[in-house]
Amino acid sequence: QSDRELAEVALVGGRPGSAIDIYRQQLESRPDDVELLYLLGVAYNQTGEFDLALHFLDKAKAQDLAVKQHVRGDILRELGRAKLALGDIRQAQRDLESAADLLPASAETVNSLGVSYALQKEYGKAREAFIAALAIEPGSLEYRNNLALGWILADQPQKGIDVLYPSYLRGSSTSKTRQNLALAFAMKGDIEAAKTIAKQDLTKPELEKNIAYYQQWEQEK
């Protein structure tokens, strides 16, 4: 296997640090390689070093513009994701909208665009994006969870339940989807159902804290 292939295996396998070592070494002899700059940005997004991700992705964008007079959709997506993580939501949204126009069949891109809308409380637009992502990858629990949150955060818990409960009944839920499902039941006033679902993943003190939160929320409604 070539070093580039080994780096790709590391990146896909959740070892971005190993990929970064290889990419940076290769970048020394090819500092203007758009793909290397992009892959370094992807890897740094995975490690949570978003400032470094932006540094290399901005370079990739500039180089792509210089050579082709346009920017690849995947570069714009990764730029958007880095900016989301750094709190630059408006600019992230612009990058992700452009990326989604270029990559309409990329569920990952459309989902990230939905997140940018949700963070700005544009829940209708967010739900449209999550529905589009699910149409591409209907088995994704992440996108399903995001869609449910798009309803829950808009104070429509029953619609959130409708999205998440079938997966829960099939035994294909995750800790994150279960906690959001519990929150939706609590918002409807069904504290017992919320408690039954939430306790599957929480310690006793965590559960007691959540129940207190649910009850306080119910009283303040």
N, C-alpha and C. Protein backbone atom coordinates (compact mmCIF):
# COMPACT_ATOMS: atom_id res chain seq x y z
N GLN A 1 0.83 -1.20 0.00
CA GLN A 1 0.00 0.00 0.00
C GLN A 1 0.87 1.26 0.00
N SER A 2 0.41 2.30 -0.71
CA SER A 2 1.13 3.56 -0.71
C SER A 2 0.85 4.29 0.61
N ASP A 3 1.69 5.30 0.90
CA ASP A 3 1.48 6.08 2.12
C ASP A 3 0.11 6.74 2.11
N ARG A 4 -0.32 7.23 0.93
CA ARG A 4 -1.62 7.89 0.83
C ARG A 4 -2.75 6.91 1.17
N GLU A 5 -2.62 5.67 0.71
CA GLU A 5 -3.63 4.66 1.02
C GLU A 5 -3.63 4.32 2.51
N LEU A 6 -2.45 4.24 3.09
CA LEU A 6 -2.35 3.96 4.53
C LEU A 6 -2.99 5.09 5.34
N ALA A 7 -2.79 6.31 4.88
CA ALA A 7 -3.39 7.46 5.57
C ALA A 7 -4.91 7.41 5.46
N GLU A 8 -5.42 7.01 4.29
CA GLU A 8 -6.87 6.92 4.11
C GLU A 8 -7.46 5.86 5.03
N VAL A 9 -6.77 4.73 5.16
CA VAL A 9 -7.22 3.68 6.07
C VAL A 9 -7.26 4.20 7.51
N ALA A 10 -6.23 4.95 7.89
CA ALA A 10 -6.17 5.51 9.24
C ALA A 10 -7.32 6.49 9.46
N LEU A 11 -7.59 7.33 8.45
CA LEU A 11 -8.64 8.34 8.57
C LEU A 11 -10.01 7.69 8.71
N VAL A 12 -10.29 6.73 7.86
CA VAL A 12 -11.57 6.02 7.90
C VAL A 12 -11.70 5.21 9.18
N GLY A 13 -10.57 4.70 9.66
CA GLY A 13 -10.57 3.87 10.86
C GLY A 13 -10.57 4.63 12.17
N GLY A 14 -10.72 5.95 12.10
CA GLY A 14 -10.79 6.74 13.32
C GLY A 14 -9.45 7.05 13.96
N ARG A 15 -8.38 7.03 13.15
CA ARG A 15 -7.05 7.38 13.66
C ARG A 15 -6.50 8.56 12.86
N PRO A 16 -7.16 9.73 12.97
CA PRO A 16 -6.75 10.87 12.16
C PRO A 16 -5.33 11.35 12.43
N GLY A 17 -4.85 11.14 13.66
CA GLY A 17 -3.50 11.58 13.98
C GLY A 17 -2.45 10.90 13.11
N SER A 18 -2.63 9.60 12.86
CA SER A 18 -1.71 8.87 11.99
C SER A 18 -1.78 9.39 10.56
N ALA A 19 -3.00 9.70 10.11
CA ALA A 19 -3.17 10.25 8.76
C ALA A 19 -2.49 11.61 8.65
N ILE A 20 -2.63 12.43 9.68
CA ILE A 20 -2.03 13.77 9.66
C ILE A 20 -0.51 13.68 9.51
N ASP A 21 0.12 12.76 10.21
CA ASP A 21 1.58 12.60 10.11
C ASP A 21 2.00 12.33 8.67
N ILE A 22 1.26 11.45 8.01
CA ILE A 22 1.58 11.09 6.62
C ILE A 22 1.32 12.27 5.69
N TYR A 23 0.17 12.91 5.82
CA TYR A 23 -0.19 14.01 4.93
C TYR A 23 0.79 15.17 5.07
N ARG A 24 1.19 15.50 6.30
CA ARG A 24 2.09 16.64 6.49
C ARG A 24 3.46 16.34 5.92
N GLN A 25 3.88 15.10 6.04
CA GLN A 25 5.17 14.72 5.45
C GLN A 25 5.12 14.87 3.93
N GLN A 26 4.01 14.43 3.32
CA GLN A 26 3.87 14.53 1.87
C GLN A 26 3.74 15.98 1.42
N LEU A 27 3.13 16.81 2.26
CA LEU A 27 2.90 18.21 1.91
C LEU A 27 4.22 18.99 1.78
N GLU A 28 5.24 18.52 2.45
CA GLU A 28 6.53 19.20 2.38
C GLU A 28 7.06 19.26 0.94
N SER A 29 6.83 18.21 0.17
CA SER A 29 7.30 18.19 -1.22
C SER A 29 6.22 18.64 -2.20
N ARG A 30 4.95 18.74 -1.72
CA ARG A 30 3.85 19.16 -2.60
C ARG A 30 2.95 20.16 -1.87
N PRO A 31 3.48 21.34 -1.56
CA PRO A 31 2.74 22.29 -0.71
C PRO A 31 1.47 22.85 -1.36
N ASP A 32 1.33 22.71 -2.68
CA ASP A 32 0.15 23.24 -3.36
C ASP A 32 -0.82 22.14 -3.80
N ASP A 33 -0.64 20.95 -3.27
CA ASP A 33 -1.50 19.82 -3.64
C ASP A 33 -2.88 20.00 -2.98
N VAL A 34 -3.89 20.31 -3.79
CA VAL A 34 -5.24 20.60 -3.27
C VAL A 34 -5.79 19.43 -2.47
N GLU A 35 -5.60 18.22 -2.97
CA GLU A 35 -6.15 17.04 -2.28
C GLU A 35 -5.49 16.83 -0.93
N LEU A 36 -4.17 17.01 -0.85
CA LEU A 36 -3.49 16.88 0.43
C LEU A 36 -3.97 17.93 1.43
N LEU A 37 -4.10 19.17 0.95
CA LEU A 37 -4.58 20.24 1.83
C LEU A 37 -5.99 19.94 2.33
N TYR A 38 -6.82 19.45 1.43
CA TYR A 38 -8.19 19.08 1.80
C TYR A 38 -8.20 17.95 2.83
N LEU A 39 -7.41 16.91 2.57
CA LEU A 39 -7.39 15.75 3.48
C LEU A 39 -6.87 16.13 4.86
N LEU A 40 -5.91 17.05 4.90
CA LEU A 40 -5.43 17.53 6.21
C LEU A 40 -6.57 18.26 6.93
N GLY A 41 -7.34 19.04 6.19
CA GLY A 41 -8.49 19.71 6.80
C GLY A 41 -9.50 18.73 7.36
N VAL A 42 -9.79 17.68 6.59
CA VAL A 42 -10.71 16.64 7.05
C VAL A 42 -10.19 16.00 8.34
N ALA A 43 -8.90 15.66 8.33
CA ALA A 43 -8.30 14.99 9.49
C ALA A 43 -8.33 15.89 10.72
N TYR A 44 -8.02 17.16 10.56
CA TYR A 44 -8.05 18.08 11.71
C TYR A 44 -9.48 18.33 12.18
N ASN A 45 -10.45 18.29 11.29
CA ASN A 45 -11.84 18.36 11.74
C ASN A 45 -12.17 17.16 12.61
N GLN A 46 -11.62 16.00 12.26
CA GLN A 46 -11.88 14.79 13.06
C GLN A 46 -11.23 14.87 14.43
N THR A 47 -10.05 15.49 14.53
CA THR A 47 -9.37 15.58 15.83
C THR A 47 -9.92 16.72 16.68
N GLY A 48 -10.77 17.56 16.08
CA GLY A 48 -11.31 18.70 16.82
C GLY A 48 -10.40 19.91 16.83
N GLU A 49 -9.36 19.89 16.01
CA GLU A 49 -8.45 21.05 15.91
C GLU A 49 -8.93 21.92 14.75
N PHE A 50 -10.01 22.65 15.01
CA PHE A 50 -10.74 23.31 13.93
C PHE A 50 -9.99 24.50 13.35
N ASP A 51 -9.16 25.17 14.16
CA ASP A 51 -8.36 26.27 13.61
C ASP A 51 -7.37 25.74 12.57
N LEU A 52 -6.75 24.62 12.86
CA LEU A 52 -5.83 24.02 11.90
C LEU A 52 -6.59 23.51 10.67
N ALA A 53 -7.78 22.96 10.90
CA ALA A 53 -8.60 22.52 9.77
C ALA A 53 -8.88 23.70 8.84
N LEU A 54 -9.27 24.84 9.41
CA LEU A 54 -9.54 26.03 8.60
C LEU A 54 -8.30 26.49 7.85
N HIS A 55 -7.15 26.43 8.50
CA HIS A 55 -5.90 26.86 7.87
C HIS A 55 -5.66 26.09 6.58
N PHE A 56 -5.75 24.77 6.64
CA PHE A 56 -5.45 23.96 5.46
C PHE A 56 -6.59 23.98 4.44
N LEU A 57 -7.83 24.07 4.92
CA LEU A 57 -8.97 24.12 3.99
C LEU A 57 -9.01 25.45 3.25
N ASP A 58 -8.66 26.54 3.92
CA ASP A 58 -8.57 27.83 3.22
C ASP A 58 -7.50 27.78 2.13
N LYS A 59 -6.39 27.12 2.43
CA LYS A 59 -5.35 26.96 1.42
C LYS A 59 -5.84 26.12 0.25
N ALA A 60 -6.57 25.05 0.56
CA ALA A 60 -7.12 24.19 -0.49
C ALA A 60 -8.09 24.98 -1.37
N LYS A 61 -8.94 25.80 -0.72
CA LYS A 61 -9.91 26.62 -1.46
C LYS A 61 -9.19 27.60 -2.38
N ALA A 62 -8.19 28.29 -1.86
CA ALA A 62 -7.45 29.28 -2.66
C ALA A 62 -6.75 28.61 -3.84
N GLN A 63 -6.14 27.47 -3.60
CA GLN A 63 -5.43 26.77 -4.67
C GLN A 63 -6.40 26.25 -5.72
N ASP A 64 -7.56 25.74 -5.26
CA ASP A 64 -8.57 25.24 -6.20
C ASP A 64 -9.09 26.39 -7.08
N LEU A 65 -9.31 27.54 -6.46
CA LEU A 65 -9.77 28.71 -7.22
C LEU A 65 -8.72 29.15 -8.24
N ALA A 66 -7.47 29.12 -7.82
CA ALA A 66 -6.40 29.57 -8.71
C ALA A 66 -6.27 28.67 -9.94
N VAL A 67 -6.49 27.37 -9.75
CA VAL A 67 -6.28 26.41 -10.83
C VAL A 67 -7.55 26.24 -11.68
N LYS A 68 -8.71 26.15 -11.02
CA LYS A 68 -9.95 25.77 -11.73
C LYS A 68 -11.00 26.88 -11.77
N GLN A 69 -10.75 27.99 -11.06
CA GLN A 69 -11.71 29.09 -11.00
C GLN A 69 -13.03 28.71 -10.29
N HIS A 70 -13.04 27.60 -9.60
CA HIS A 70 -14.19 27.26 -8.75
C HIS A 70 -13.69 26.39 -7.60
N VAL A 71 -14.54 26.17 -6.60
CA VAL A 71 -14.14 25.41 -5.41
C VAL A 71 -14.96 24.13 -5.32
N ARG A 72 -14.28 23.04 -5.01
CA ARG A 72 -14.95 21.75 -4.85
C ARG A 72 -15.96 21.79 -3.72
N GLY A 73 -17.04 21.04 -3.90
CA GLY A 73 -18.07 20.97 -2.88
C GLY A 73 -17.59 20.37 -1.58
N ASP A 74 -16.71 19.36 -1.65
CA ASP A 74 -16.26 18.73 -0.40
C ASP A 74 -15.38 19.66 0.41
N ILE A 75 -14.62 20.54 -0.27
CA ILE A 75 -13.82 21.53 0.45
C ILE A 75 -14.74 22.51 1.18
N LEU A 76 -15.77 22.97 0.48
CA LEU A 76 -16.73 23.90 1.10
C LEU A 76 -17.45 23.26 2.28
N ARG A 77 -17.79 21.96 2.14
CA ARG A 77 -18.46 21.26 3.25
C ARG A 77 -17.57 21.24 4.49
N GLU A 78 -16.31 20.86 4.31
CA GLU A 78 -15.41 20.77 5.47
C GLU A 78 -15.14 22.15 6.07
N LEU A 79 -15.06 23.17 5.20
CA LEU A 79 -14.94 24.54 5.72
C LEU A 79 -16.15 24.88 6.57
N GLY A 80 -17.34 24.54 6.07
CA GLY A 80 -18.56 24.82 6.82
C GLY A 80 -18.59 24.11 8.16
N ARG A 81 -18.16 22.87 8.16
CA ARG A 81 -18.19 22.10 9.41
C ARG A 81 -17.21 22.67 10.43
N ALA A 82 -16.03 23.09 9.97
CA ALA A 82 -15.06 23.70 10.88
C ALA A 82 -15.61 25.01 11.45
N LYS A 83 -16.24 25.81 10.59
CA LYS A 83 -16.79 27.09 11.05
C LYS A 83 -17.97 26.88 12.01
N LEU A 84 -18.77 25.85 11.76
CA LEU A 84 -19.84 25.52 12.71
C LEU A 84 -19.26 25.26 14.09
N ALA A 85 -18.21 24.44 14.13
CA ALA A 85 -17.60 24.07 15.41
C ALA A 85 -16.99 25.27 16.12
N LEU A 86 -16.54 26.26 15.34
CA LEU A 86 -15.92 27.45 15.93
C LEU A 86 -16.94 28.56 16.21
N GLY A 87 -18.21 28.30 15.89
CA GLY A 87 -19.27 29.25 16.22
C GLY A 87 -19.53 30.31 15.17
N ASP A 88 -18.89 30.20 14.00
CA ASP A 88 -19.13 31.15 12.91
C ASP A 88 -20.29 30.61 12.07
N ILE A 89 -21.49 30.67 12.64
CA ILE A 89 -22.63 29.94 12.08
C ILE A 89 -23.08 30.49 10.73
N ARG A 90 -23.15 31.81 10.61
CA ARG A 90 -23.62 32.42 9.36
C ARG A 90 -22.72 32.05 8.18
N GLN A 91 -21.42 32.20 8.39
CA GLN A 91 -20.49 31.87 7.30
C GLN A 91 -20.50 30.37 7.02
N ALA A 92 -20.64 29.58 8.07
CA ALA A 92 -20.74 28.13 7.88
C ALA A 92 -21.94 27.80 7.01
N GLN A 93 -23.06 28.46 7.29
CA GLN A 93 -24.28 28.22 6.51
C GLN A 93 -24.04 28.53 5.03
N ARG A 94 -23.38 29.65 4.75
CA ARG A 94 -23.13 30.03 3.35
C ARG A 94 -22.28 28.97 2.65
N ASP A 95 -21.22 28.52 3.33
CA ASP A 95 -20.36 27.49 2.74
C ASP A 95 -21.14 26.20 2.51
N LEU A 96 -21.97 25.83 3.49
CA LEU A 96 -22.70 24.56 3.40
C LEU A 96 -23.82 24.62 2.36
N GLU A 97 -24.44 25.79 2.19
CA GLU A 97 -25.43 25.94 1.12
C GLU A 97 -24.77 25.77 -0.24
N SER A 98 -23.60 26.36 -0.42
CA SER A 98 -22.87 26.21 -1.68
C SER A 98 -22.46 24.75 -1.88
N ALA A 99 -22.01 24.11 -0.81
CA ALA A 99 -21.60 22.70 -0.90
C ALA A 99 -22.77 21.81 -1.26
N ALA A 100 -23.94 22.08 -0.65
CA ALA A 100 -25.13 21.26 -0.92
C ALA A 100 -25.61 21.44 -2.37
N ASP A 101 -25.44 22.65 -2.91
CA ASP A 101 -25.79 22.87 -4.32
C ASP A 101 -24.90 22.03 -5.24
N LEU A 102 -23.62 21.91 -4.86
CA LEU A 102 -22.66 21.16 -5.67
C LEU A 102 -22.74 19.65 -5.43
N LEU A 103 -23.18 19.28 -4.22
CA LEU A 103 -23.20 17.86 -3.83
C LEU A 103 -24.60 17.48 -3.32
N PRO A 104 -25.62 17.59 -4.15
CA PRO A 104 -26.98 17.32 -3.66
C PRO A 104 -27.22 15.88 -3.24
N ALA A 105 -26.37 14.96 -3.68
CA ALA A 105 -26.55 13.54 -3.32
C ALA A 105 -25.70 13.15 -2.11
N SER A 106 -25.06 14.13 -1.46
CA SER A 106 -24.24 13.85 -0.29
C SER A 106 -25.05 14.07 0.98
N ALA A 107 -25.46 12.99 1.62
CA ALA A 107 -26.25 13.10 2.85
C ALA A 107 -25.47 13.83 3.94
N GLU A 108 -24.18 13.57 4.01
CA GLU A 108 -23.32 14.20 5.02
C GLU A 108 -23.36 15.72 4.87
N THR A 109 -23.31 16.20 3.62
CA THR A 109 -23.32 17.63 3.36
C THR A 109 -24.66 18.25 3.71
N VAL A 110 -25.74 17.62 3.27
CA VAL A 110 -27.08 18.15 3.52
C VAL A 110 -27.39 18.14 5.02
N ASN A 111 -26.96 17.11 5.72
CA ASN A 111 -27.16 17.05 7.17
C ASN A 111 -26.44 18.19 7.87
N SER A 112 -25.20 18.44 7.47
CA SER A 112 -24.44 19.54 8.08
C SER A 112 -25.13 20.88 7.84
N LEU A 113 -25.70 21.05 6.65
CA LEU A 113 -26.46 22.27 6.37
C LEU A 113 -27.65 22.37 7.32
N GLY A 114 -28.33 21.25 7.56
CA GLY A 114 -29.44 21.25 8.50
C GLY A 114 -29.02 21.67 9.89
N VAL A 115 -27.86 21.22 10.32
CA VAL A 115 -27.34 21.60 11.64
C VAL A 115 -27.13 23.11 11.71
N SER A 116 -26.61 23.69 10.62
CA SER A 116 -26.37 25.14 10.62
C SER A 116 -27.70 25.90 10.75
N TYR A 117 -28.75 25.40 10.12
CA TYR A 117 -30.06 26.04 10.26
C TYR A 117 -30.60 25.87 11.68
N ALA A 118 -30.47 24.66 12.23
CA ALA A 118 -30.98 24.41 13.57
C ALA A 118 -30.30 25.30 14.61
N LEU A 119 -29.01 25.52 14.46
CA LEU A 119 -28.28 26.36 15.40
C LEU A 119 -28.74 27.82 15.35
N GLN A 120 -29.38 28.18 14.26
CA GLN A 120 -29.93 29.54 14.13
C GLN A 120 -31.45 29.56 14.37
N LYS A 121 -31.96 28.42 14.88
CA LYS A 121 -33.38 28.26 15.21
C LYS A 121 -34.28 28.37 13.98
N GLU A 122 -33.71 28.08 12.82
CA GLU A 122 -34.51 28.00 11.59
C GLU A 122 -34.94 26.54 11.43
N TYR A 123 -35.86 26.12 12.30
CA TYR A 123 -36.16 24.70 12.42
C TYR A 123 -36.87 24.12 11.19
N GLY A 124 -37.68 24.92 10.51
CA GLY A 124 -38.33 24.44 9.30
C GLY A 124 -37.31 24.08 8.23
N LYS A 125 -36.36 24.98 7.99
CA LYS A 125 -35.30 24.71 7.01
C LYS A 125 -34.45 23.53 7.46
N ALA A 126 -34.18 23.47 8.76
CA ALA A 126 -33.37 22.37 9.29
C ALA A 126 -34.05 21.03 9.01
N ARG A 127 -35.34 20.95 9.28
CA ARG A 127 -36.07 19.70 9.06
C ARG A 127 -36.06 19.30 7.59
N GLU A 128 -36.22 20.28 6.71
CA GLU A 128 -36.17 19.99 5.27
C GLU A 128 -34.83 19.35 4.90
N ALA A 129 -33.75 19.90 5.46
CA ALA A 129 -32.42 19.36 5.17
C ALA A 129 -32.26 17.95 5.74
N PHE A 130 -32.72 17.73 6.97
CA PHE A 130 -32.59 16.40 7.58
C PHE A 130 -33.44 15.37 6.83
N ILE A 131 -34.62 15.78 6.37
CA ILE A 131 -35.46 14.88 5.58
C ILE A 131 -34.76 14.52 4.27
N ALA A 132 -34.10 15.51 3.66
CA ALA A 132 -33.35 15.26 2.42
C ALA A 132 -32.19 14.30 2.68
N ALA A 133 -31.50 14.47 3.81
CA ALA A 133 -30.40 13.57 4.16
C ALA A 133 -30.90 12.15 4.37
N LEU A 134 -32.04 12.03 5.03
CA LEU A 134 -32.63 10.70 5.27
C LEU A 134 -33.11 10.05 3.98
N ALA A 135 -33.53 10.86 3.02
CA ALA A 135 -33.94 10.30 1.73
C ALA A 135 -32.76 9.66 1.01
N ILE A 136 -31.56 10.19 1.28
CA ILE A 136 -30.35 9.64 0.68
C ILE A 136 -29.85 8.44 1.48
N GLU A 137 -29.87 8.55 2.80
CA GLU A 137 -29.41 7.47 3.69
C GLU A 137 -30.49 7.19 4.73
N PRO A 138 -31.53 6.45 4.36
CA PRO A 138 -32.67 6.25 5.27
C PRO A 138 -32.34 5.49 6.54
N GLY A 139 -31.23 4.78 6.56
CA GLY A 139 -30.88 4.00 7.75
C GLY A 139 -30.08 4.77 8.79
N SER A 140 -29.80 6.04 8.54
CA SER A 140 -28.94 6.80 9.46
C SER A 140 -29.69 7.24 10.71
N LEU A 141 -29.27 6.73 11.86
CA LEU A 141 -29.87 7.16 13.12
C LEU A 141 -29.47 8.58 13.47
N GLU A 142 -28.29 8.99 13.03
CA GLU A 142 -27.84 10.37 13.30
C GLU A 142 -28.78 11.37 12.64
N TYR A 143 -29.10 11.14 11.36
CA TYR A 143 -29.96 12.08 10.65
C TYR A 143 -31.39 12.01 11.20
N ARG A 144 -31.83 10.81 11.57
CA ARG A 144 -33.16 10.66 12.15
C ARG A 144 -33.24 11.41 13.49
N ASN A 145 -32.19 11.30 14.28
CA ASN A 145 -32.14 12.00 15.56
C ASN A 145 -32.18 13.51 15.34
N ASN A 146 -31.43 13.98 14.34
CA ASN A 146 -31.42 15.42 14.06
C ASN A 146 -32.81 15.90 13.63
N LEU A 147 -33.50 15.10 12.82
CA LEU A 147 -34.84 15.47 12.40
C LEU A 147 -35.78 15.55 13.61
N ALA A 148 -35.67 14.57 14.49
CA ALA A 148 -36.51 14.59 15.70
C ALA A 148 -36.22 15.83 16.54
N LEU A 149 -34.95 16.17 16.69
CA LEU A 149 -34.60 17.38 17.44
C LEU A 149 -35.16 18.63 16.78
N GLY A 150 -35.20 18.62 15.44
CA GLY A 150 -35.79 19.74 14.73
C GLY A 150 -37.25 19.97 15.08
N TRP A 151 -37.94 18.90 15.45
CA TRP A 151 -39.32 19.01 15.94
C TRP A 151 -39.36 19.35 17.42
N ILE A 152 -38.53 18.66 18.22
CA ILE A 152 -38.54 18.85 19.67
C ILE A 152 -38.18 20.29 20.04
N LEU A 153 -37.13 20.82 19.40
CA LEU A 153 -36.69 22.18 19.71
C LEU A 153 -37.70 23.23 19.25
N ALA A 154 -38.55 22.85 18.28
CA ALA A 154 -39.63 23.74 17.84
C ALA A 154 -40.89 23.54 18.67
N ASP A 155 -40.75 22.86 19.81
CA ASP A 155 -41.85 22.64 20.75
C ASP A 155 -42.97 21.79 20.15
N GLN A 156 -42.57 20.80 19.36
CA GLN A 156 -43.54 19.84 18.82
C GLN A 156 -43.05 18.42 19.16
N PRO A 157 -43.09 18.07 20.46
CA PRO A 157 -42.49 16.81 20.91
C PRO A 157 -43.13 15.57 20.30
N GLN A 158 -44.44 15.60 20.04
CA GLN A 158 -45.09 14.40 19.50
C GLN A 158 -44.50 14.03 18.14
N LYS A 159 -44.20 15.04 17.34
CA LYS A 159 -43.61 14.75 16.03
C LYS A 159 -42.19 14.20 16.19
N GLY A 160 -41.49 14.65 17.21
CA GLY A 160 -40.18 14.07 17.52
C GLY A 160 -40.30 12.61 17.92
N ILE A 161 -41.31 12.32 18.73
CA ILE A 161 -41.58 10.94 19.14
C ILE A 161 -41.90 10.08 17.93
N ASP A 162 -42.70 10.62 17.02
CA ASP A 162 -43.08 9.86 15.82
C ASP A 162 -41.86 9.47 14.99
N VAL A 163 -40.84 10.31 15.01
CA VAL A 163 -39.61 10.04 14.25
C VAL A 163 -38.75 8.98 14.95
N LEU A 164 -38.64 9.06 16.28
CA LEU A 164 -37.69 8.23 17.02
C LEU A 164 -38.26 6.93 17.58
N TYR A 165 -39.55 6.93 17.92
CA TYR A 165 -40.10 5.78 18.65
C TYR A 165 -40.07 4.47 17.86
N PRO A 166 -40.34 4.48 16.55
CA PRO A 166 -40.27 3.21 15.81
C PRO A 166 -38.89 2.55 15.89
N SER A 167 -37.82 3.33 15.79
CA SER A 167 -36.47 2.77 15.91
C SER A 167 -36.23 2.23 17.31
N TYR A 168 -36.74 2.95 18.31
CA TYR A 168 -36.60 2.50 19.70
C TYR A 168 -37.29 1.16 19.90
N LEU A 169 -38.49 1.01 19.36
CA LEU A 169 -39.22 -0.25 19.50
C LEU A 169 -38.51 -1.40 18.80
N ARG A 170 -37.81 -1.11 17.71
CA ARG A 170 -37.07 -2.14 16.98
C ARG A 170 -35.75 -2.49 17.65
N GLY A 171 -35.39 -1.74 18.69
CA GLY A 171 -34.12 -2.01 19.38
C GLY A 171 -32.92 -1.46 18.66
N SER A 172 -33.14 -0.48 17.76
CA SER A 172 -32.02 0.07 17.00
C SER A 172 -31.72 1.52 17.39
N SER A 173 -32.08 1.89 18.61
CA SER A 173 -31.81 3.25 19.08
C SER A 173 -30.38 3.35 19.63
N THR A 174 -29.94 4.58 19.85
CA THR A 174 -28.65 4.85 20.48
C THR A 174 -28.90 5.62 21.77
N SER A 175 -27.87 5.79 22.57
CA SER A 175 -28.01 6.56 23.81
C SER A 175 -28.53 7.96 23.51
N LYS A 176 -28.01 8.57 22.46
CA LYS A 176 -28.42 9.93 22.12
C LYS A 176 -29.89 9.98 21.71
N THR A 177 -30.32 9.02 20.88
CA THR A 177 -31.73 9.04 20.45
C THR A 177 -32.65 8.73 21.62
N ARG A 178 -32.21 7.85 22.53
CA ARG A 178 -33.05 7.53 23.69
C ARG A 178 -33.22 8.74 24.60
N GLN A 179 -32.16 9.49 24.82
CA GLN A 179 -32.27 10.66 25.70
C GLN A 179 -33.15 11.74 25.08
N ASN A 180 -33.07 11.89 23.77
CA ASN A 180 -33.95 12.86 23.10
C ASN A 180 -35.40 12.39 23.10
N LEU A 181 -35.59 11.09 22.96
CA LEU A 181 -36.94 10.53 23.04
C LEU A 181 -37.51 10.73 24.43
N ALA A 182 -36.69 10.51 25.45
CA ALA A 182 -37.13 10.73 26.83
C ALA A 182 -37.52 12.20 27.03
N LEU A 183 -36.72 13.10 26.49
CA LEU A 183 -37.02 14.53 26.61
C LEU A 183 -38.37 14.85 25.95
N ALA A 184 -38.61 14.26 24.78
CA ALA A 184 -39.88 14.51 24.07
C ALA A 184 -41.07 14.03 24.90
N PHE A 185 -40.95 12.85 25.51
CA PHE A 185 -42.04 12.35 26.36
C PHE A 185 -42.24 13.27 27.57
N ALA A 186 -41.13 13.72 28.14
CA ALA A 186 -41.25 14.63 29.29
C ALA A 186 -41.93 15.93 28.89
N MET A 187 -41.61 16.44 27.71
CA MET A 187 -42.24 17.68 27.24
C MET A 187 -43.75 17.50 27.07
N LYS A 188 -44.16 16.27 26.78
CA LYS A 188 -45.60 15.99 26.66
C LYS A 188 -46.26 15.75 28.02
N GLY A 189 -45.45 15.69 29.06
CA GLY A 189 -45.99 15.47 30.39
C GLY A 189 -45.97 14.03 30.85
N ASP A 190 -45.42 13.13 30.05
CA ASP A 190 -45.36 11.72 30.41
C ASP A 190 -44.01 11.42 31.06
N ILE A 191 -43.91 11.81 32.33
CA ILE A 191 -42.65 11.68 33.06
C ILE A 191 -42.25 10.22 33.24
N GLU A 192 -43.22 9.35 33.44
CA GLU A 192 -42.91 7.93 33.66
C GLU A 192 -42.28 7.30 32.42
N ALA A 193 -42.83 7.60 31.25
CA ALA A 193 -42.24 7.09 30.01
C ALA A 193 -40.84 7.65 29.82
N ALA A 194 -40.68 8.94 30.12
CA ALA A 194 -39.37 9.57 30.00
C ALA A 194 -38.36 8.88 30.92
N LYS A 195 -38.79 8.60 32.15
CA LYS A 195 -37.91 7.95 33.13
C LYS A 195 -37.53 6.54 32.67
N THR A 196 -38.49 5.78 32.15
CA THR A 196 -38.24 4.41 31.70
C THR A 196 -37.19 4.39 30.59
N ILE A 197 -37.28 5.32 29.66
CA ILE A 197 -36.35 5.35 28.53
C ILE A 197 -34.99 5.89 28.98
N ALA A 198 -35.00 6.98 29.75
CA ALA A 198 -33.74 7.64 30.13
C ALA A 198 -32.86 6.76 31.00
N LYS A 199 -33.46 5.93 31.86
CA LYS A 199 -32.66 5.17 32.84
C LYS A 199 -31.80 4.09 32.19
N GLN A 200 -32.04 3.79 30.91
CA GLN A 200 -31.24 2.77 30.23
C GLN A 200 -29.79 3.18 30.06
N ASP A 201 -29.54 4.48 30.10
CA ASP A 201 -28.19 4.97 29.79
C ASP A 201 -27.57 5.80 30.92
N LEU A 202 -28.34 6.10 31.96
CA LEU A 202 -27.86 7.02 32.98
C LEU A 202 -27.60 6.33 34.31
N THR A 203 -26.64 6.87 35.05
CA THR A 203 -26.44 6.44 36.42
C THR A 203 -27.61 6.96 37.26
N LYS A 204 -27.75 6.44 38.47
CA LYS A 204 -28.86 6.88 39.31
C LYS A 204 -28.82 8.38 39.58
N PRO A 205 -27.66 8.97 39.93
CA PRO A 205 -27.64 10.44 40.13
C PRO A 205 -27.98 11.20 38.85
N GLU A 206 -27.50 10.73 37.69
CA GLU A 206 -27.81 11.39 36.43
C GLU A 206 -29.31 11.33 36.13
N LEU A 207 -29.89 10.16 36.41
CA LEU A 207 -31.33 9.98 36.18
C LEU A 207 -32.14 10.91 37.07
N GLU A 208 -31.76 10.97 38.35
CA GLU A 208 -32.47 11.84 39.29
C GLU A 208 -32.39 13.31 38.86
N LYS A 209 -31.22 13.70 38.35
CA LYS A 209 -31.03 15.07 37.87
C LYS A 209 -31.94 15.33 36.66
N ASN A 210 -32.00 14.37 35.74
CA ASN A 210 -32.85 14.54 34.56
C ASN A 210 -34.32 14.61 34.93
N ILE A 211 -34.74 13.73 35.86
CA ILE A 211 -36.14 13.72 36.28
C ILE A 211 -36.51 15.06 36.93
N ALA A 212 -35.60 15.58 37.75
CA ALA A 212 -35.84 16.89 38.37
C ALA A 212 -36.00 17.97 37.31
N TYR A 213 -35.17 17.87 36.27
CA TYR A 213 -35.26 18.84 35.17
C TYR A 213 -36.60 18.69 34.44
N TYR A 214 -36.98 17.44 34.16
CA TYR A 214 -38.26 17.20 33.49
C TYR A 214 -39.43 17.79 34.30
N GLN A 215 -39.40 17.52 35.61
CA GLN A 215 -40.50 17.97 36.46
C GLN A 215 -40.54 19.49 36.57
N GLN A 216 -39.35 20.11 36.66
CA GLN A 216 -39.29 21.58 36.71
C GLN A 216 -39.81 22.16 35.39
N TRP A 217 -39.43 21.55 34.29
CA TRP A 217 -39.88 22.02 32.97
C TRP A 217 -41.41 21.91 32.88
N GLU A 218 -41.96 20.81 33.40
CA GLU A 218 -43.41 20.58 33.36
C GLU A 218 -44.14 21.64 34.19
N GLN A 219 -43.58 21.98 35.34
CA GLN A 219 -44.21 22.96 36.23
C GLN A 219 -44.19 24.38 35.63
N GLU A 220 -43.14 24.65 34.84
CA GLU A 220 -42.97 26.00 34.28
C GLU A 220 -43.73 26.18 32.97
N LYS A 221 -44.28 25.10 32.44
CA LYS A 221 -44.99 25.18 31.14
C LYS A 221 -46.16 26.15 31.21
